[in-house]
PDB file of N, CA and C in Angstrom:
ATOM      1  N   MET A   1     175.273 173.103 -38.549  1.00  0.00           N
ATOM      2  CA  MET A   1     174.177 172.520 -39.260  1.00  0.00           C
ATOM      3  C   MET A   1     174.219 172.822 -40.754  1.00  0.00           C
ATOM      4  N   ALA A   2     174.806 173.906 -41.109  1.00  0.00           N
ATOM      5  CA  ALA A   2     174.866 174.275 -42.513  1.00  0.00           C
ATOM      6  C   ALA A   2     175.868 173.419 -43.271  1.00  0.00           C
ATOM      7  N   THR A   3     176.842 172.830 -42.568  1.00  0.00           N
ATOM      8  CA  THR A   3     177.867 172.048 -43.246  1.00  0.00           C
ATOM      9  C   THR A   3     177.294 170.801 -43.916  1.00  0.00           C
ATOM     10  N   PRO A   4     176.421 170.008 -43.269  1.00  0.00           N
ATOM     11  CA  PRO A   4     175.844 168.850 -43.964  1.00  0.00           C
ATOM     12  C   PRO A   4     174.967 169.273 -45.153  1.00  0.00           C
ATOM     13  N   LEU A   5     174.283 170.408 -45.019  1.00  0.00           N
ATOM     14  CA  LEU A   5     173.458 170.898 -46.121  1.00  0.00           C
ATOM     15  C   LEU A   5     174.332 171.295 -47.309  1.00  0.00           C
ATOM     16  N   MET A   6     175.440 171.980 -47.057  1.00  0.00           N
ATOM     17  CA  MET A   6     176.352 172.376 -48.129  1.00  0.00           C
ATOM     18  C   MET A   6     177.002 171.147 -48.775  1.00  0.00           C
ATOM     19  N   ALA A   7     177.363 170.164 -47.976  1.00  0.00           N
ATOM     20  CA  ALA A   7     177.959 168.941 -48.516  1.00  0.00           C
ATOM     21  C   ALA A   7     176.955 168.219 -49.394  1.00  0.00           C
ATOM     22  N   GLY A   8     175.693 168.174 -48.963  1.00  0.00           N
ATOM     23  CA  GLY A   8     174.642 167.524 -49.760  1.00  0.00           C
ATOM     24  C   GLY A   8     174.414 168.251 -51.078  1.00  0.00           C
ATOM     25  N   LEU A   9     174.397 169.585 -51.034  1.00  0.00           N
ATOM     26  CA  LEU A   9     174.230 170.360 -52.269  1.00  0.00           C
ATOM     27  C   LEU A   9     175.415 170.156 -53.217  1.00  0.00           C
ATOM     28  N   ALA A  10     176.620 170.059 -52.658  1.00  0.00           N
ATOM     29  CA  ALA A  10     177.803 169.837 -53.493  1.00  0.00           C
ATOM     30  C   ALA A  10     177.749 168.464 -54.155  1.00  0.00           C
ATOM     31  N   VAL A  11     177.324 167.450 -53.428  1.00  0.00           N
ATOM     32  CA  VAL A  11     177.204 166.101 -53.996  1.00  0.00           C
ATOM     33  C   VAL A  11     176.136 166.092 -55.083  1.00  0.00           C
ATOM     34  N   ALA A  12     175.011 166.766 -54.846  1.00  0.00           N
ATOM     35  CA  ALA A  12     173.942 166.815 -55.848  1.00  0.00           C
ATOM     36  C   ALA A  12     174.409 167.552 -57.101  1.00  0.00           C
ATOM     37  N   ALA A  13     175.120 168.653 -56.922  1.00  0.00           N
ATOM     38  CA  ALA A  13     175.626 169.402 -58.077  1.00  0.00           C
ATOM     39  C   ALA A  13     176.621 168.553 -58.865  1.00  0.00           C
ATOM     40  N   ALA A  14     177.488 167.804 -58.179  1.00  0.00           N
ATOM     41  CA  ALA A  14     178.447 166.938 -58.861  1.00  0.00           C
ATOM     42  C   ALA A  14     177.721 165.836 -59.621  1.00  0.00           C
ATOM     43  N   ALA A  15     176.660 165.303 -59.043  1.00  0.00           N
ATOM     44  CA  ALA A  15     175.898 164.245 -59.718  1.00  0.00           C
ATOM     45  C   ALA A  15     175.222 164.780 -60.975  1.00  0.00           C
ATOM     46  N   TYR A  16     174.598 165.968 -60.871  1.00  0.00           N
ATOM     47  CA  TYR A  16     173.969 166.570 -62.065  1.00  0.00           C
ATOM     48  C   TYR A  16     175.009 166.908 -63.141  1.00  0.00           C
ATOM     49  N   ALA A  17     176.165 167.404 -62.730  1.00  0.00           N
ATOM     50  CA  ALA A  17     177.212 167.725 -63.695  1.00  0.00           C
ATOM     51  C   ALA A  17     177.736 166.452 -64.367  1.00  0.00           C
ATOM     52  N   GLY A  18     177.886 165.391 -63.593  1.00  0.00           N
ATOM     53  CA  GLY A  18     178.315 164.117 -64.166  1.00  0.00           C
ATOM     54  C   GLY A  18     177.285 163.568 -65.138  1.00  0.00           C
ATOM     55  N   ARG A  19     176.014 163.673 -64.774  1.00  0.00           N
ATOM     56  CA  ARG A  19     174.942 163.203 -65.655  1.00  0.00           C
ATOM     57  C   ARG A  19     174.944 163.996 -66.963  1.00  0.00           C
ATOM     58  N   TYR A  20     175.059 165.312 -66.854  1.00  0.00           N
ATOM     59  CA  TYR A  20     175.099 166.156 -68.043  1.00  0.00           C
ATOM     60  C   TYR A  20     176.317 165.827 -68.905  1.00  0.00           C
ATOM     61  N   GLY A  21     177.450 165.605 -68.261  1.00  0.00           N
ATOM     62  CA  GLY A  21     178.665 165.257 -68.993  1.00  0.00           C
ATOM     63  C   GLY A  21     178.526 163.936 -69.746  1.00  0.00           C
ATOM     64  N   ILE A  22     177.918 162.950 -69.122  1.00  0.00           N
ATOM     65  CA  ILE A  22     177.711 161.659 -69.784  1.00  0.00           C
ATOM     66  C   ILE A  22     176.750 161.806 -70.957  1.00  0.00           C
ATOM     67  N   GLN A  23     175.673 162.571 -70.787  1.00  0.00           N
ATOM     68  CA  GLN A  23     174.735 162.801 -71.891  1.00  0.00           C
ATOM     69  C   GLN A  23     175.407 163.538 -73.043  1.00  0.00           C
ATOM     70  N   ALA A  24     176.222 164.520 -72.737  1.00  0.00           N
ATOM     71  CA  ALA A  24     176.918 165.266 -73.780  1.00  0.00           C
ATOM     72  C   ALA A  24     177.912 164.367 -74.510  1.00  0.00           C
ATOM     73  N   TRP A  25     178.606 163.514 -73.783  1.00  0.00           N
ATOM     74  CA  TRP A  25     179.562 162.602 -74.415  1.00  0.00           C
ATOM     75  C   TRP A  25     178.846 161.613 -75.338  1.00  0.00           C
ATOM     76  N   ASN A  26     177.716 161.062 -74.883  1.00  0.00           N
ATOM     77  CA  ASN A  26     176.961 160.130 -75.717  1.00  0.00           C
ATOM     78  C   ASN A  26     176.419 160.814 -76.974  1.00  0.00           C
ATOM     79  N   ALA A  27     175.977 162.052 -76.840  1.00  0.00           N
ATOM     80  CA  ALA A  27     175.507 162.798 -78.009  1.00  0.00           C
ATOM     81  C   ALA A  27     176.660 163.079 -78.960  1.00  0.00           C
ATOM     82  N   PHE A  28     177.832 163.364 -78.424  1.00  0.00           N
ATOM     83  CA  PHE A  28     179.010 163.612 -79.254  1.00  0.00           C
ATOM     84  C   PHE A  28     179.413 162.354 -80.023  1.00  0.00           C
ATOM     85  N   LYS A  29     179.384 161.206 -79.362  1.00  0.00           N
ATOM     86  CA  LYS A  29     179.758 159.957 -80.016  1.00  0.00           C
ATOM     87  C   LYS A  29     178.720 159.529 -81.051  1.00  0.00           C
ATOM     88  N   ALA A  30     177.447 159.891 -80.868  1.00  0.00           N
ATOM     89  CA  ALA A  30     176.379 159.448 -81.759  1.00  0.00           C
ATOM     90  C   ALA A  30     176.270 160.294 -83.028  1.00  0.00           C
ATOM     91  N   ARG A  31     176.896 161.457 -83.044  1.00  0.00           N
ATOM     92  CA  ARG A  31     176.771 162.317 -84.232  1.00  0.00           C
ATOM     93  C   ARG A  31     177.487 161.688 -85.412  1.00  0.00           C
ATOM     94  N   PRO A  32     177.005 161.956 -86.622  1.00  0.00           N
ATOM     95  CA  PRO A  32     177.657 161.376 -87.799  1.00  0.00           C
ATOM     96  C   PRO A  32     179.043 161.989 -88.011  1.00  0.00           C
ATOM     97  N   ALA A  33     179.927 161.173 -88.501  1.00  0.00           N
ATOM     98  CA  ALA A  33     181.291 161.638 -88.748  1.00  0.00           C
ATOM     99  C   ALA A  33     181.306 162.507 -89.991  1.00  0.00           C
ATOM    100  N   SER A  34     181.679 163.750 -89.822  1.00  0.00           N
ATOM    101  CA  SER A  34     181.801 164.654 -90.962  1.00  0.00           C
ATOM    102  C   SER A  34     183.151 165.342 -90.860  1.00  0.00           C
ATOM    103  N   PRO A  35     183.905 165.320 -91.943  1.00  0.00           N
ATOM    104  CA  PRO A  35     185.222 165.952 -91.876  1.00  0.00           C
ATOM    105  C   PRO A  35     185.110 167.457 -91.692  1.00  0.00           C
ATOM    106  N   ALA A  36     186.029 168.006 -90.938  1.00  0.00           N
ATOM    107  CA  ALA A  36     186.039 169.451 -90.698  1.00  0.00           C
ATOM    108  C   ALA A  36     186.436 170.195 -91.962  1.00  0.00           C
ATOM    109  N   PHE A  37     187.208 169.572 -92.801  1.00  0.00           N
ATOM    110  CA  PHE A  37     187.619 170.172 -94.066  1.00  0.00           C
ATOM    111  C   PHE A  37     187.800 169.059 -95.083  1.00  0.00           C
ATOM    112  N   ARG A  38     187.724 169.412 -96.334  1.00  0.00           N
ATOM    113  CA  ARG A  38     187.920 168.441 -97.396  1.00  0.00           C
ATOM    114  C   ARG A  38     189.369 168.503 -97.847  1.00  0.00           C
ATOM    115  N   LYS A  39     189.945 167.329 -98.058  1.00  0.00           N
ATOM    116  CA  LYS A  39     191.328 167.305 -98.501  1.00  0.00           C
ATOM    117  C   LYS A  39     191.450 167.644 -99.975  1.00  0.00           C
ATOM    118  N   PHE A  40     190.453 167.266-100.758  1.00  0.00           N
ATOM    119  CA  PHE A  40     190.547 167.445-102.185  1.00  0.00           C
ATOM    120  C   PHE A  40     189.360 168.226-102.705  1.00  0.00           C
ATOM    121  N   TYR A  41     189.541 168.830-103.845  1.00  0.00           N
ATOM    122  CA  TYR A  41     188.488 169.587-104.511  1.00  0.00           C
ATOM    123  C   TYR A  41     187.424 168.624-105.010  1.00  0.00           C
ATOM    124  N   GLN A  42     186.190 168.841-104.610  1.00  0.00           N
ATOM    125  CA  GLN A  42     185.090 167.997-105.065  1.00  0.00           C
ATOM    126  C   GLN A  42     184.154 168.840-105.912  1.00  0.00           C
ATOM    127  N   GLY A  43     183.792 168.317-107.044  1.00  0.00           N
ATOM    128  CA  GLY A  43     182.864 169.029-107.906  1.00  0.00           C
ATOM    129  C   GLY A  43     183.390 169.122-109.320  1.00  0.00           C
ATOM    130  N   GLY A  44     182.554 169.604-110.209  1.00  0.00           N
ATOM    131  CA  GLY A  44     182.941 169.729-111.602  1.00  0.00           C
ATOM    132  C   GLY A  44     183.812 170.949-111.831  1.00  0.00           C
ATOM    133  N   PHE A  45     184.386 170.999-113.017  1.00  0.00           N
ATOM    134  CA  PHE A  45     185.250 172.115-113.361  1.00  0.00           C
ATOM    135  C   PHE A  45     184.425 173.216-114.001  1.00  0.00           C
ATOM    136  N   GLN A  46     184.847 174.450-113.794  1.00  0.00           N
ATOM    137  CA  GLN A  46     184.197 175.587-114.425  1.00  0.00           C
ATOM    138  C   GLN A  46     184.712 175.717-115.854  1.00  0.00           C
ATOM    139  N   PRO A  47     183.910 176.321-116.750  1.00  0.00           N
ATOM    140  CA  PRO A  47     184.361 176.453-118.141  1.00  0.00           C
ATOM    141  C   PRO A  47     185.652 177.267-118.257  1.00  0.00           C
ATOM    142  N   GLN A  48     185.766 178.327-117.484  1.00  0.00           N
ATOM    143  CA  GLN A  48     186.971 179.162-117.463  1.00  0.00           C
ATOM    144  C   GLN A  48     187.572 179.046-116.072  1.00  0.00           C
ATOM    145  N   MET A  49     188.785 178.530-115.959  1.00  0.00           N
ATOM    146  CA  MET A  49     189.393 178.322-114.647  1.00  0.00           C
ATOM    147  C   MET A  49     189.678 179.660-113.972  1.00  0.00           C
ATOM    148  N   THR A  50     189.286 179.739-112.726  1.00  0.00           N
ATOM    149  CA  THR A  50     189.553 180.919-111.921  1.00  0.00           C
ATOM    150  C   THR A  50     190.698 180.611-110.955  1.00  0.00           C
ATOM    151  N   ARG A  51     191.212 181.657-110.355  1.00  0.00           N
ATOM    152  CA  ARG A  51     192.297 181.478-109.380  1.00  0.00           C
ATOM    153  C   ARG A  51     191.795 180.696-108.166  1.00  0.00           C
ATOM    154  N   ARG A  52     190.552 180.898-107.788  1.00  0.00           N
ATOM    155  CA  ARG A  52     189.976 180.167-106.660  1.00  0.00           C
ATOM    156  C   ARG A  52     189.896 178.675-106.971  1.00  0.00           C
ATOM    157  N   GLU A  53     189.416 178.354-108.172  1.00  0.00           N
ATOM    158  CA  GLU A  53     189.310 176.949-108.563  1.00  0.00           C
ATOM    159  C   GLU A  53     190.697 176.307-108.638  1.00  0.00           C
ATOM    160  N   ALA A  54     191.666 177.038-109.163  1.00  0.00           N
ATOM    161  CA  ALA A  54     193.030 176.511-109.244  1.00  0.00           C
ATOM    162  C   ALA A  54     193.577 176.211-107.851  1.00  0.00           C
ATOM    163  N   ALA A  55     193.315 177.103-106.907  1.00  0.00           N
ATOM    164  CA  ALA A  55     193.776 176.880-105.536  1.00  0.00           C
ATOM    165  C   ALA A  55     193.081 175.668-104.922  1.00  0.00           C
ATOM    166  N   LEU A  56     191.807 175.483-105.212  1.00  0.00           N
ATOM    167  CA  LEU A  56     191.093 174.322-104.689  1.00  0.00           C
ATOM    168  C   LEU A  56     191.622 173.023-105.288  1.00  0.00           C
ATOM    169  N   ILE A  57     191.930 173.033-106.564  1.00  0.00           N
ATOM    170  CA  ILE A  57     192.454 171.830-107.215  1.00  0.00           C
ATOM    171  C   ILE A  57     193.788 171.434-106.606  1.00  0.00           C
ATOM    172  N   LEU A  58     194.655 172.412-106.392  1.00  0.00           N
ATOM    173  CA  LEU A  58     195.982 172.120-105.847  1.00  0.00           C
ATOM    174  C   LEU A  58     195.984 171.975-104.332  1.00  0.00           C
ATOM    175  N   GLY A  59     194.913 172.387-103.681  1.00  0.00           N
ATOM    176  CA  GLY A  59     194.834 172.264-102.229  1.00  0.00           C
ATOM    177  C   GLY A  59     195.660 173.294-101.487  1.00  0.00           C
ATOM    178  N   VAL A  60     195.777 174.486-102.064  1.00  0.00           N
ATOM    179  CA  VAL A  60     196.525 175.573-101.425  1.00  0.00           C
ATOM    180  C   VAL A  60     195.628 176.805-101.351  1.00  0.00           C
ATOM    181  N   ARG A  61     196.110 177.831-100.679  1.00  0.00           N
ATOM    182  CA  ARG A  61     195.387 179.101-100.637  1.00  0.00           C
ATOM    183  C   ARG A  61     195.711 179.916-101.869  1.00  0.00           C
ATOM    184  N   GLU A  62     194.869 180.885-102.155  1.00  0.00           N
ATOM    185  CA  GLU A  62     195.082 181.720-103.338  1.00  0.00           C
ATOM    186  C   GLU A  62     196.338 182.574-103.217  1.00  0.00           C
ATOM    187  N   SER A  63     196.774 182.855-102.009  1.00  0.00           N
ATOM    188  CA  SER A  63     197.936 183.720-101.801  1.00  0.00           C
ATOM    189  C   SER A  63     199.196 182.928-101.452  1.00  0.00           C
ATOM    190  N   THR A  64     199.253 181.664-101.846  1.00  0.00           N
ATOM    191  CA  THR A  64     200.383 180.811-101.512  1.00  0.00           C
ATOM    192  C   THR A  64     201.618 181.190-102.330  1.00  0.00           C
ATOM    193  N   ALA A  65     202.772 181.021-101.728  1.00  0.00           N
ATOM    194  CA  ALA A  65     204.038 181.322-102.407  1.00  0.00           C
ATOM    195  C   ALA A  65     204.291 180.335-103.544  1.00  0.00           C
ATOM    196  N   MET A  66     205.128 180.757-104.492  1.00  0.00           N
ATOM    197  CA  MET A  66     205.391 179.960-105.692  1.00  0.00           C
ATOM    198  C   MET A  66     205.976 178.584-105.364  1.00  0.00           C
ATOM    199  N   ASP A  67     206.879 178.508-104.397  1.00  0.00           N
ATOM    200  CA  ASP A  67     207.485 177.216-104.091  1.00  0.00           C
ATOM    201  C   ASP A  67     206.470 176.246-103.497  1.00  0.00           C
ATOM    202  N   LYS A  68     205.520 176.758-102.725  1.00  0.00           N
ATOM    203  CA  LYS A  68     204.461 175.912-102.173  1.00  0.00           C
ATOM    204  C   LYS A  68     203.513 175.436-103.273  1.00  0.00           C
ATOM    205  N   VAL A  69     203.290 176.279-104.284  1.00  0.00           N
ATOM    206  CA  VAL A  69     202.455 175.889-105.422  1.00  0.00           C
ATOM    207  C   VAL A  69     203.142 174.759-106.178  1.00  0.00           C
ATOM    208  N   ARG A  70     204.456 174.865-106.372  1.00  0.00           N
ATOM    209  CA  ARG A  70     205.198 173.812-107.066  1.00  0.00           C
ATOM    210  C   ARG A  70     205.126 172.494-106.305  1.00  0.00           C
ATOM    211  N   GLU A  71     205.281 172.554-104.970  1.00  0.00           N
ATOM    212  CA  GLU A  71     205.199 171.349-104.146  1.00  0.00           C
ATOM    213  C   GLU A  71     203.807 170.725-104.234  1.00  0.00           C
ATOM    214  N   ALA A  72     202.779 171.569-104.155  1.00  0.00           N
ATOM    215  CA  ALA A  72     201.406 171.066-104.223  1.00  0.00           C
ATOM    216  C   ALA A  72     201.134 170.463-105.599  1.00  0.00           C
ATOM    217  N   HIS A  73     201.615 171.111-106.663  1.00  0.00           N
ATOM    218  CA  HIS A  73     201.432 170.588-108.019  1.00  0.00           C
ATOM    219  C   HIS A  73     202.093 169.224-108.153  1.00  0.00           C
ATOM    220  N   ARG A  74     203.293 169.108-107.644  1.00  0.00           N
ATOM    221  CA  ARG A  74     204.010 167.837-107.728  1.00  0.00           C
ATOM    222  C   ARG A  74     203.261 166.743-106.972  1.00  0.00           C
ATOM    223  N   ARG A  75     202.781 167.059-105.781  1.00  0.00           N
ATOM    224  CA  ARG A  75     202.064 166.081-104.960  1.00  0.00           C
ATOM    225  C   ARG A  75     200.782 165.611-105.651  1.00  0.00           C
ATOM    226  N   VAL A  76     200.016 166.543-106.204  1.00  0.00           N
ATOM    227  CA  VAL A  76     198.761 166.182-106.858  1.00  0.00           C
ATOM    228  C   VAL A  76     199.037 165.470-108.176  1.00  0.00           C
ATOM    229  N   MET A  77     200.073 165.896-108.895  1.00  0.00           N
ATOM    230  CA  MET A  77     200.378 165.277-110.183  1.00  0.00           C
ATOM    231  C   MET A  77     200.884 163.848-110.010  1.00  0.00           C
ATOM    232  N   VAL A  78     201.663 163.598-108.965  1.00  0.00           N
ATOM    233  CA  VAL A  78     202.127 162.228-108.711  1.00  0.00           C
ATOM    234  C   VAL A  78     200.936 161.302-108.498  1.00  0.00           C
ATOM    235  N   ALA A  79     199.917 161.785-107.827  1.00  0.00           N
ATOM    236  CA  ALA A  79     198.733 160.956-107.565  1.00  0.00           C
ATOM    237  C   ALA A  79     197.869 160.769-108.803  1.00  0.00           C
ATOM    238  N   ASN A  80     197.939 161.676-109.778  1.00  0.00           N
ATOM    239  CA  ASN A  80     197.041 161.620-110.932  1.00  0.00           C
ATOM    240  C   ASN A  80     197.757 161.575-112.273  1.00  0.00           C
ATOM    241  N   HIS A  81     199.022 161.206-112.307  1.00  0.00           N
ATOM    242  CA  HIS A  81     199.786 161.216-113.562  1.00  0.00           C
ATOM    243  C   HIS A  81     199.275 160.125-114.502  1.00  0.00           C
ATOM    244  N   PRO A  82     199.143 160.442-115.791  1.00  0.00           N
ATOM    245  CA  PRO A  82     198.653 159.442-116.757  1.00  0.00           C
ATOM    246  C   PRO A  82     199.532 158.190-116.848  1.00  0.00           C
ATOM    247  N   ASP A  83     200.832 158.327-116.662  1.00  0.00           N
ATOM    248  CA  ASP A  83     201.717 157.154-116.712  1.00  0.00           C
ATOM    249  C   ASP A  83     201.507 156.223-115.525  1.00  0.00           C
ATOM    250  N   ALA A  84     200.917 156.739-114.454  1.00  0.00           N
ATOM    251  CA  ALA A  84     200.664 155.927-113.265  1.00  0.00           C
ATOM    252  C   ALA A  84     199.191 155.534-113.168  1.00  0.00           C
ATOM    253  N   GLY A  85     198.485 155.582-114.292  1.00  0.00           N
ATOM    254  CA  GLY A  85     197.087 155.174-114.296  1.00  0.00           C
ATOM    255  C   GLY A  85     196.105 156.307-114.122  1.00  0.00           C
ATOM    256  N   GLY A  86     196.574 157.534-114.113  1.00  0.00           N
ATOM    257  CA  GLY A  86     195.699 158.685-113.959  1.00  0.00           C
ATOM    258  C   GLY A  86     195.093 159.109-115.286  1.00  0.00           C
ATOM    259  N   SER A  87     194.314 160.130-115.252  1.00  0.00           N
ATOM    260  CA  SER A  87     193.604 160.620-116.419  1.00  0.00           C
ATOM    261  C   SER A  87     194.384 161.750-117.096  1.00  0.00           C
ATOM    262  N   HIS A  88     194.384 161.745-118.427  1.00  0.00           N
ATOM    263  CA  HIS A  88     195.015 162.839-119.177  1.00  0.00           C
ATOM    264  C   HIS A  88     194.253 164.143-118.931  1.00  0.00           C
ATOM    265  N   TYR A  89     192.928 164.037-118.817  1.00  0.00           N
ATOM    266  CA  TYR A  89     192.101 165.218-118.582  1.00  0.00           C
ATOM    267  C   TYR A  89     192.447 165.847-117.234  1.00  0.00           C
ATOM    268  N   LEU A  90     192.518 165.030-116.197  1.00  0.00           N
ATOM    269  CA  LEU A  90     192.852 165.571-114.872  1.00  0.00           C
ATOM    270  C   LEU A  90     194.262 166.152-114.853  1.00  0.00           C
ATOM    271  N   ALA A  91     195.187 165.496-115.518  1.00  0.00           N
ATOM    272  CA  ALA A  91     196.555 166.010-115.565  1.00  0.00           C
ATOM    273  C   ALA A  91     196.594 167.369-116.250  1.00  0.00           C
ATOM    274  N   SER A  92     195.802 167.537-117.319  1.00  0.00           N
ATOM    275  CA  SER A  92     195.784 168.840-117.994  1.00  0.00           C
ATOM    276  C   SER A  92     195.162 169.908-117.105  1.00  0.00           C
ATOM    277  N   LYS A  93     194.134 169.543-116.336  1.00  0.00           N
ATOM    278  CA  LYS A  93     193.512 170.501-115.424  1.00  0.00           C
ATOM    279  C   LYS A  93     194.469 170.861-114.275  1.00  0.00           C
ATOM    280  N   ILE A  94     195.220 169.906-113.800  1.00  0.00           N
ATOM    281  CA  ILE A  94     196.190 170.176-112.739  1.00  0.00           C
ATOM    282  C   ILE A  94     197.281 171.109-113.248  1.00  0.00           C
ATOM    283  N   ASN A  95     197.756 170.856-114.472  1.00  0.00           N
ATOM    284  CA  ASN A  95     198.762 171.743-115.063  1.00  0.00           C
ATOM    285  C   ASN A  95     198.195 173.136-115.302  1.00  0.00           C
ATOM    286  N   GLU A  96     196.943 173.198-115.723  1.00  0.00           N
ATOM    287  CA  GLU A  96     196.291 174.499-115.934  1.00  0.00           C
ATOM    288  C   GLU A  96     196.165 175.249-114.609  1.00  0.00           C
ATOM    289  N   ALA A  97     195.854 174.515-113.540  1.00  0.00           N
ATOM    290  CA  ALA A  97     195.762 175.137-112.218  1.00  0.00           C
ATOM    291  C   ALA A  97     197.116 175.679-111.771  1.00  0.00           C
ATOM    292  N   LYS A  98     198.172 174.925-112.038  1.00  0.00           N
ATOM    293  CA  LYS A  98     199.517 175.395-111.679  1.00  0.00           C
ATOM    294  C   LYS A  98     199.859 176.660-112.463  1.00  0.00           C
ATOM    295  N   ASP A  99     199.559 176.649-113.766  1.00  0.00           N
ATOM    296  CA  ASP A  99     199.833 177.830-114.585  1.00  0.00           C
ATOM    297  C   ASP A  99     199.055 179.041-114.078  1.00  0.00           C
ATOM    298  N   MET A 100     197.820 178.822-113.693  1.00  0.00           N
ATOM    299  CA  MET A 100     196.991 179.917-113.189  1.00  0.00           C
ATOM    300  C   MET A 100     197.575 180.464-111.888  1.00  0.00           C
ATOM    301  N   MET A 101     198.004 179.568-110.998  1.00  0.00           N
ATOM    302  CA  MET A 101     198.550 180.012-109.720  1.00  0.00           C
ATOM    303  C   MET A 101     199.925 180.663-109.886  1.00  0.00           C
ATOM    304  N   MET A 102     200.665 180.237-110.881  1.00  0.00           N
ATOM    305  CA  MET A 102     201.983 180.818-111.130  1.00  0.00           C
ATOM    306  C   MET A 102     201.878 182.060-112.010  1.00  0.00           C
ATOM    307  N   ARG A 103     200.677 182.415-112.412  1.00  0.00           N
ATOM    308  CA  ARG A 103     200.376 183.587-113.236  1.00  0.00           C
ATOM    309  C   ARG A 103     201.071 183.526-114.594  1.00  0.00           C
ATOM    310  N   LYS A 104     201.222 182.314-115.126  1.00  0.00           N
ATOM    311  CA  LYS A 104     201.837 182.191-116.435  1.00  0.00           C
ATOM    312  C   LYS A 104     200.872 182.569-117.542  1.00  0.00           C
ATOM    313  N   SER A 105     199.592 182.264-117.324  1.00  0.00           N
ATOM    314  CA  SER A 105     198.629 182.557-118.393  1.00  0.00           C
ATOM    315  C   SER A 105     197.421 183.277-117.793  1.00  0.00           C
ATOM    316  N   LYS A 106     197.003 184.321-118.434  1.00  0.00           N
ATOM    317  CA  LYS A 106     195.834 185.073-117.991  1.00  0.00           C
ATOM    318  C   LYS A 106     194.562 184.491-118.598  1.00  0.00           C
ATOM    319  N   ASN A 107     194.617 184.123-119.871  1.00  0.00           N
ATOM    320  CA  ASN A 107     193.444 183.590-120.565  1.00  0.00           C
ATOM    321  C   ASN A 107     193.747 182.153-120.951  1.00  0.00           C
ATOM    322  N   THR A 108     193.230 181.210-120.170  1.00  0.00           N
ATOM    323  CA  THR A 108     193.509 179.811-120.442  1.00  0.00           C
ATOM    324  C   THR A 108     192.293 179.152-121.029  1.00  0.00           C
ATOM    325  N   ASP A 109     192.464 178.589-122.204  1.00  0.00           N
ATOM    326  CA  ASP A 109     191.414 177.807-122.822  1.00  0.00           C
ATOM    327  C   ASP A 109     191.862 176.367-122.815  1.00  0.00           C
ATOM    328  N   SER A 110     191.121 175.534-122.111  1.00  0.00           N
ATOM    329  CA  SER A 110     191.493 174.134-122.000  1.00  0.00           C
ATOM    330  C   SER A 110     191.273 173.435-123.330  1.00  0.00           C
ATOM    331  N   ALA A 111     192.123 172.487-123.630  1.00  0.00           N
ATOM    332  CA  ALA A 111     191.979 171.713-124.857  1.00  0.00           C
ATOM    333  C   ALA A 111     190.851 170.701-124.720  1.00  0.00           C
ATOM    334  N   PHE A 112     190.367 170.499-123.513  1.00  0.00           N
ATOM    335  CA  PHE A 112     189.311 169.507-123.297  1.00  0.00           C
ATOM    336  C   PHE A 112     188.022 170.189-122.967  1.00  0.00           C
TER     337      PHE A 112
END
């Protein structure tokens, strides 16, 4: 006699789990799309560039190796080069970020 009762409870539990799963899936699909991370640095520039800001501009970590900094600089510069329609201001900031990450200059004063 306990077998039909156990089978009924198992079917009911499966139905509740399926219902919960469908509700969770619908809630997941209805949420607004928000990126888990940003690909590019968004926001204004600080008056004095910091190592953190330089890393954000180039899209690398602050402790990235020199060759990775060069690759990131090249990738960002190709997208924003003045000869390809980019801004001279952005190109100077990208170069300043590379210099900061490569530790070429300790005190950088932007010309802009």
